Amino acid sequence: MKTVRMPDGTDVPALGQGTWMMAEDPQRRSDEIAALRAGIDLGMTLIDTAEMYADGESERLVGEALAGRRDDVFLVSKAYPQNASRSGLPPACEASLERLGTDRLDLYLLHWRGRVPLGETVEAMERLVDAGKILRWGVSNLDTDDMEELVAAGGKACATDQILYNLTRRGPEHDLLPWLAVRRMPMMAYSPVEQGRLVADQGLRTLASELGVTPAQVALAWLLARDDVIAIPKAGTVEHVRENRTAADLALSPETVARLDAMFPLPSVPVPLAML
């Protein structure tokens, strides 16, 4: 499995597992747990979740899937912006740890920017690092100007920015990705197949058919070709996890990349960071 280096030198798999919209249907729970465990077996050992997902039930599902395997995983969770204050972040983190059945997070993210000053969130994150509750921290859904403000507020230790990035959401290539690259701060791409909508694109389907792979595999391989991107697709079945994992070994030719650029062109001007 290809790896991506975090700012502190830690290597993590470039292809992880997302859990947004997991744990929402009890009838799918056993399949989702099996999928997460299969992903770990296949080297997709970075697992991302959040206190928001299914009102905390996603964290409980991940905790169940990790029973006896916590040390095999790079575990990521996210805090609501309203909980990202000096007084609010410690109990929010403790609640996530309890639901996950662990004593620490490998990475804790501010889910999106809210009313709490970024400097206060940085201070709260650093206190959690000092307490051993989290090993590192980062942010999600912050655009370039937000990141500039974060660093100015003392947030130089930020480990990553998790954003919406895929073939149809290429705006970050104008300014945010270069900004992160200069600081050797990898980006985590959520919804890398646009919540499944990308696989319906006829041009992508035709290209994938010619390559003998699936549209989702092409979309993931395009992301994974970058050295600074960690993709976190969600898969609710073992079969889907295996399909995603194959994408990590798919090398796209320059001709294929050129066709993708033509089908999904970079916006001609910078655009605000999108969110789902």
Protein backbone atom coordinates (compact mmCIF):
# COMPACT_ATOMS: atom_id res chain seq x y z
CA MET A 1 0.00 0.00 0.00
CA LYS A 2 1.28 3.44 -0.94
CA THR A 3 1.75 5.71 2.05
CA VAL A 4 1.57 9.44 2.70
CA ARG A 5 3.79 11.15 5.26
CA MET A 6 2.27 13.34 7.95
CA PRO A 7 4.17 16.46 9.04
CA ASP A 8 5.59 14.67 12.10
CA GLY A 9 7.07 11.90 9.94
CA THR A 10 4.33 9.32 10.52
CA ASP A 11 3.42 7.32 7.41
CA VAL A 12 -0.24 6.47 6.83
CA PRO A 13 -1.92 4.55 4.00
CA ALA A 14 -2.90 6.73 1.06
CA LEU A 15 -6.17 4.81 0.84
CA GLY A 16 -8.19 4.66 4.02
CA GLN A 17 -11.81 4.05 4.98
CA GLY A 18 -14.52 6.61 5.55
CA THR A 19 -17.65 5.99 7.63
CA TRP A 20 -20.00 8.85 6.76
CA MET A 21 -23.57 7.41 6.51
CA MET A 22 -22.53 4.17 8.19
CA ALA A 23 -24.41 2.89 11.25
CA GLU A 24 -27.65 4.49 10.07
CA ASP A 25 -29.41 1.20 9.29
CA PRO A 26 -29.18 -1.59 11.91
CA GLN A 27 -29.82 -4.18 9.22
CA ARG A 28 -26.53 -3.22 7.52
CA ARG A 29 -24.45 -3.16 10.70
CA SER A 30 -22.89 -6.62 10.39
CA ASP A 31 -21.95 -5.98 6.74
CA GLU A 32 -20.41 -2.62 7.62
CA ILE A 33 -18.35 -4.08 10.45
CA ALA A 34 -17.17 -6.88 8.17
CA ALA A 35 -16.24 -4.28 5.55
CA LEU A 36 -14.14 -2.24 7.97
CA ARG A 37 -12.36 -5.36 9.20
CA ALA A 38 -11.69 -6.53 5.64
CA GLY A 39 -10.26 -3.11 4.82
CA ILE A 40 -7.84 -3.37 7.72
CA ASP A 41 -6.76 -6.80 6.46
CA LEU A 42 -6.12 -5.24 3.04
CA GLY A 43 -3.93 -2.47 4.42
CA MET A 44 -6.56 0.30 4.52
CA THR A 45 -5.75 0.92 8.15
CA LEU A 46 -6.66 4.61 8.34
CA ILE A 47 -10.28 4.87 9.48
CA ASP A 48 -12.10 8.19 9.60
CA THR A 49 -15.26 8.90 11.57
CA ALA A 50 -16.88 11.79 13.48
CA GLU A 51 -19.11 12.50 16.43
CA MET A 52 -21.65 13.84 13.93
CA TYR A 53 -21.99 10.63 11.93
CA ALA A 54 -25.22 8.86 12.89
CA ASP A 55 -25.20 10.92 16.12
CA GLY A 56 -22.17 9.04 17.42
CA GLU A 57 -23.32 5.60 16.35
CA SER A 58 -20.70 5.50 13.59
CA GLU A 59 -18.01 5.80 16.27
CA ARG A 60 -19.58 2.94 18.19
CA LEU A 61 -19.64 0.83 15.02
CA VAL A 62 -15.96 1.58 14.38
CA GLY A 63 -15.15 0.71 17.97
CA GLU A 64 -16.87 -2.64 17.56
CA ALA A 65 -15.02 -3.32 14.32
CA LEU A 66 -11.70 -2.50 16.00
CA ALA A 67 -12.18 -4.80 18.97
CA GLY A 68 -8.79 -6.42 19.58
CA ARG A 69 -7.22 -4.53 16.66
CA ARG A 70 -6.91 -0.95 17.88
CA ASP A 71 -3.13 -0.90 17.54
CA ASP A 72 -3.41 -1.90 13.86
CA VAL A 73 -5.28 1.27 12.94
CA PHE A 74 -4.64 5.00 12.49
CA LEU A 75 -7.89 6.28 13.98
CA VAL A 76 -9.37 9.65 13.04
CA SER A 77 -12.43 11.41 14.42
CA LYS A 78 -13.88 14.89 14.19
CA ALA A 79 -15.49 17.36 16.59
CA TYR A 80 -18.47 19.61 15.94
CA PRO A 81 -17.42 23.27 15.63
CA GLN A 82 -19.62 24.23 18.59
CA ASN A 83 -17.61 21.79 20.72
CA ALA A 84 -14.22 23.16 19.67
CA SER A 85 -13.76 25.54 22.60
CA ARG A 86 -11.46 25.28 25.65
CA SER A 87 -14.33 23.97 27.76
CA GLY A 88 -16.17 22.04 25.07
CA LEU A 89 -13.45 20.07 23.31
CA PRO A 90 -12.22 17.91 26.23
CA PRO A 91 -15.66 16.39 27.00
CA ALA A 92 -16.40 15.98 23.28
CA CYS A 93 -13.14 14.10 22.86
CA GLU A 94 -13.80 11.95 25.92
CA ALA A 95 -17.24 11.04 24.57
CA SER A 96 -15.73 10.04 21.22
CA LEU A 97 -13.07 7.96 22.95
CA GLU A 98 -15.72 6.19 24.99
CA ARG A 99 -17.85 5.41 21.95
CA LEU A 100 -14.78 4.18 20.07
CA GLY A 101 -13.60 2.08 23.01
CA THR A 102 -10.10 3.53 22.96
CA ASP A 103 -7.85 5.68 25.11
CA ARG A 104 -6.52 7.91 22.32
CA LEU A 105 -7.08 9.19 18.81
CA ASP A 106 -4.29 9.21 16.26
CA LEU A 107 -5.79 12.33 14.70
CA TYR A 108 -8.57 14.66 15.87
CA LEU A 109 -10.10 17.17 13.48
CA LEU A 110 -12.22 20.29 13.72
CA HIS A 111 -15.11 19.20 11.47
CA TRP A 112 -15.74 22.64 10.00
CA ARG A 113 -15.27 26.22 11.09
CA GLY A 114 -17.81 27.69 13.47
CA ARG A 115 -17.99 30.62 15.85
CA VAL A 116 -15.23 29.50 18.21
CA PRO A 117 -12.04 31.46 17.43
CA LEU A 118 -9.46 29.30 15.69
CA GLY A 119 -6.84 30.25 18.24
CA GLU A 120 -9.01 28.87 21.04
CA THR A 121 -9.50 25.61 19.13
CA VAL A 122 -5.74 25.33 18.60
CA GLU A 123 -5.16 25.79 22.33
CA ALA A 124 -7.77 23.15 23.17
CA MET A 125 -6.28 20.71 20.67
CA GLU A 126 -2.76 21.21 22.03
CA ARG A 127 -4.00 20.55 25.56
CA LEU A 128 -5.47 17.25 24.41
CA VAL A 129 -2.11 16.36 22.85
CA ASP A 130 -0.36 17.18 26.12
CA ALA A 131 -2.87 14.99 27.97
CA GLY A 132 -2.24 12.06 25.64
CA LYS A 133 -5.85 11.95 24.49
CA ILE A 134 -4.87 12.68 20.88
CA LEU A 135 -1.55 12.20 19.13
CA ARG A 136 -2.02 15.00 16.58
CA TRP A 137 -4.75 17.30 15.35
CA GLY A 138 -6.01 18.87 12.14
CA VAL A 139 -8.98 20.51 10.48
CA SER A 140 -11.65 19.82 7.89
CA ASN A 141 -13.42 22.01 5.35
CA LEU A 142 -11.07 24.98 5.79
CA ASP A 143 -10.17 26.98 2.68
CA THR A 144 -6.87 28.74 2.06
CA ASP A 145 -7.75 31.97 3.88
CA ASP A 146 -8.95 29.94 6.86
CA MET A 147 -5.71 27.98 6.88
CA GLU A 148 -3.70 31.19 6.81
CA GLU A 149 -5.65 32.44 9.80
CA LEU A 150 -5.22 29.10 11.58
CA VAL A 151 -1.43 29.22 11.25
CA ALA A 152 -1.35 32.87 12.32
CA ALA A 153 -3.35 31.86 15.41
CA GLY A 154 -0.66 29.39 16.45
CA GLY A 155 -1.79 26.38 14.45
CA LYS A 156 1.47 25.45 12.77
CA ALA A 157 1.15 21.92 14.19
CA CYS A 158 -1.97 21.24 12.09
CA ALA A 159 -1.45 17.82 10.51
CA THR A 160 -4.00 17.85 7.68
CA ASP A 161 -6.99 19.50 6.06
CA GLN A 162 -9.81 17.09 5.18
CA ILE A 163 -11.78 18.49 2.26
CA LEU A 164 -14.17 17.62 -0.54
CA TYR A 165 -11.92 16.76 -3.48
CA ASN A 166 -12.53 14.55 -6.49
CA LEU A 167 -12.68 14.72 -10.28
CA THR A 168 -15.72 17.00 -10.16
CA ARG A 169 -14.39 19.17 -7.30
CA ARG A 170 -11.00 20.33 -8.54
CA GLY A 171 -11.12 23.89 -7.28
CA PRO A 172 -8.59 23.23 -4.46
CA GLU A 173 -5.89 22.68 -7.09
CA HIS A 174 -5.74 26.44 -7.70
CA ASP A 175 -4.58 27.56 -4.28
CA LEU A 176 -5.35 25.29 -1.33
CA LEU A 177 -3.42 22.22 -2.48
CA PRO A 178 -0.30 24.28 -3.35
CA TRP A 179 -0.57 26.03 0.02
CA LEU A 180 -0.71 22.68 1.84
CA ALA A 181 2.09 21.22 -0.27
CA VAL A 182 4.51 24.03 0.63
CA ARG A 183 3.91 23.18 4.28
CA ARG A 184 4.15 19.44 3.66
CA MET A 185 0.66 19.05 5.05
CA PRO A 186 -1.25 16.24 3.31
CA MET A 187 -4.85 16.62 2.29
CA MET A 188 -7.56 14.07 3.11
CA ALA A 189 -10.16 13.72 0.35
CA TYR A 190 -13.66 12.88 1.53
CA SER A 191 -16.40 11.79 -0.89
CA PRO A 192 -13.75 10.85 -3.49
CA VAL A 193 -16.41 9.47 -5.82
CA GLU A 194 -18.90 12.28 -5.04
CA GLN A 195 -21.05 9.98 -2.86
CA GLY A 196 -21.36 7.55 -5.78
CA ARG A 197 -22.52 10.10 -8.34
CA LEU A 198 -19.26 9.94 -10.29
CA VAL A 199 -19.79 6.30 -11.22
CA ALA A 200 -22.84 7.29 -13.28
CA ASP A 201 -20.86 9.63 -15.53
CA GLN A 202 -21.04 8.12 -19.01
CA GLY A 203 -17.62 9.32 -20.13
CA LEU A 204 -15.99 7.89 -17.03
CA ARG A 205 -17.90 4.63 -17.49
CA THR A 206 -16.66 4.34 -21.07
CA LEU A 207 -13.07 5.01 -20.06
CA ALA A 208 -13.23 2.54 -17.20
CA SER A 209 -14.67 -0.12 -19.47
CA GLU A 210 -11.78 0.34 -21.89
CA LEU A 211 -9.34 -0.10 -19.01
CA GLY A 212 -11.14 -3.15 -17.67
CA VAL A 213 -11.86 -1.54 -14.29
CA THR A 214 -14.75 0.27 -12.61
CA PRO A 215 -15.47 4.01 -12.74
CA ALA A 216 -14.88 4.25 -8.99
CA GLN A 217 -11.47 2.65 -9.36
CA VAL A 218 -10.48 5.19 -12.00
CA ALA A 219 -11.67 8.08 -9.82
CA LEU A 220 -9.74 6.76 -6.82
CA ALA A 221 -6.61 6.03 -8.86
CA TRP A 222 -6.67 9.61 -10.15
CA LEU A 223 -6.61 10.90 -6.58
CA LEU A 224 -3.99 8.42 -5.40
CA ALA A 225 -1.60 9.45 -8.16
CA ARG A 226 -0.82 12.51 -6.03
CA ASP A 227 1.79 12.09 -3.31
CA ASP A 228 -0.01 14.39 -0.89
CA VAL A 229 -3.56 12.99 -0.91
CA ILE A 230 -5.20 10.50 1.44
CA ALA A 231 -8.50 9.23 0.04
CA ILE A 232 -11.17 7.95 2.42
CA PRO A 233 -13.99 6.29 0.45
CA LYS A 234 -16.85 4.67 2.33
CA ALA A 235 -17.68 1.03 1.62
CA GLY A 236 -20.46 -0.86 3.32
CA THR A 237 -19.65 -4.34 2.03
CA VAL A 238 -16.57 -6.51 1.79
CA GLU A 239 -16.93 -6.63 -2.01
CA HIS A 240 -16.95 -2.84 -2.21
CA VAL A 241 -13.87 -2.59 0.02
CA ARG A 242 -12.01 -4.99 -2.24
CA GLU A 243 -12.98 -2.93 -5.27
CA ASN A 244 -11.62 0.21 -3.60
CA ARG A 245 -8.41 -1.50 -2.56
CA THR A 246 -7.65 -2.52 -6.14
CA ALA A 247 -7.61 1.15 -7.11
CA ALA A 248 -4.47 1.66 -5.03
CA ASP A 249 -2.58 -0.56 -7.47
CA LEU A 250 -4.01 1.03 -10.62
CA ALA A 251 -1.55 3.27 -12.46
CA LEU A 252 -3.13 5.64 -14.96
CA SER A 253 -1.20 6.43 -18.13
CA PRO A 254 -0.53 10.04 -19.17
CA GLU A 255 -3.04 9.53 -21.98
CA THR A 256 -5.70 8.42 -19.53
CA VAL A 257 -5.00 11.38 -17.27
CA ALA A 258 -5.29 13.71 -20.25
CA ARG A 259 -8.69 12.24 -21.08
CA LEU A 260 -9.83 12.74 -17.51
CA ASP A 261 -8.62 16.33 -17.60
CA ALA A 262 -10.71 16.88 -20.72
CA MET A 263 -13.78 15.28 -19.15
CA PHE A 264 -13.39 16.97 -15.78
CA PRO A 265 -11.48 20.22 -16.44
CA LEU A 266 -9.91 22.33 -13.75
CA PRO A 267 -12.03 25.46 -13.15
CA SER A 268 -10.58 28.40 -15.04
CA VAL A 269 -10.58 30.57 -11.92
CA PRO A 270 -10.33 29.85 -8.19
CA VAL A 271 -13.63 28.85 -6.58
CA PRO A 272 -14.60 28.69 -2.91
CA LEU A 273 -14.08 25.35 -1.20
CA ALA A 274 -17.23 23.25 -1.46
CA MET A 275 -18.73 21.14 1.33
CA LEU A 276 -21.15 18.24 1.46
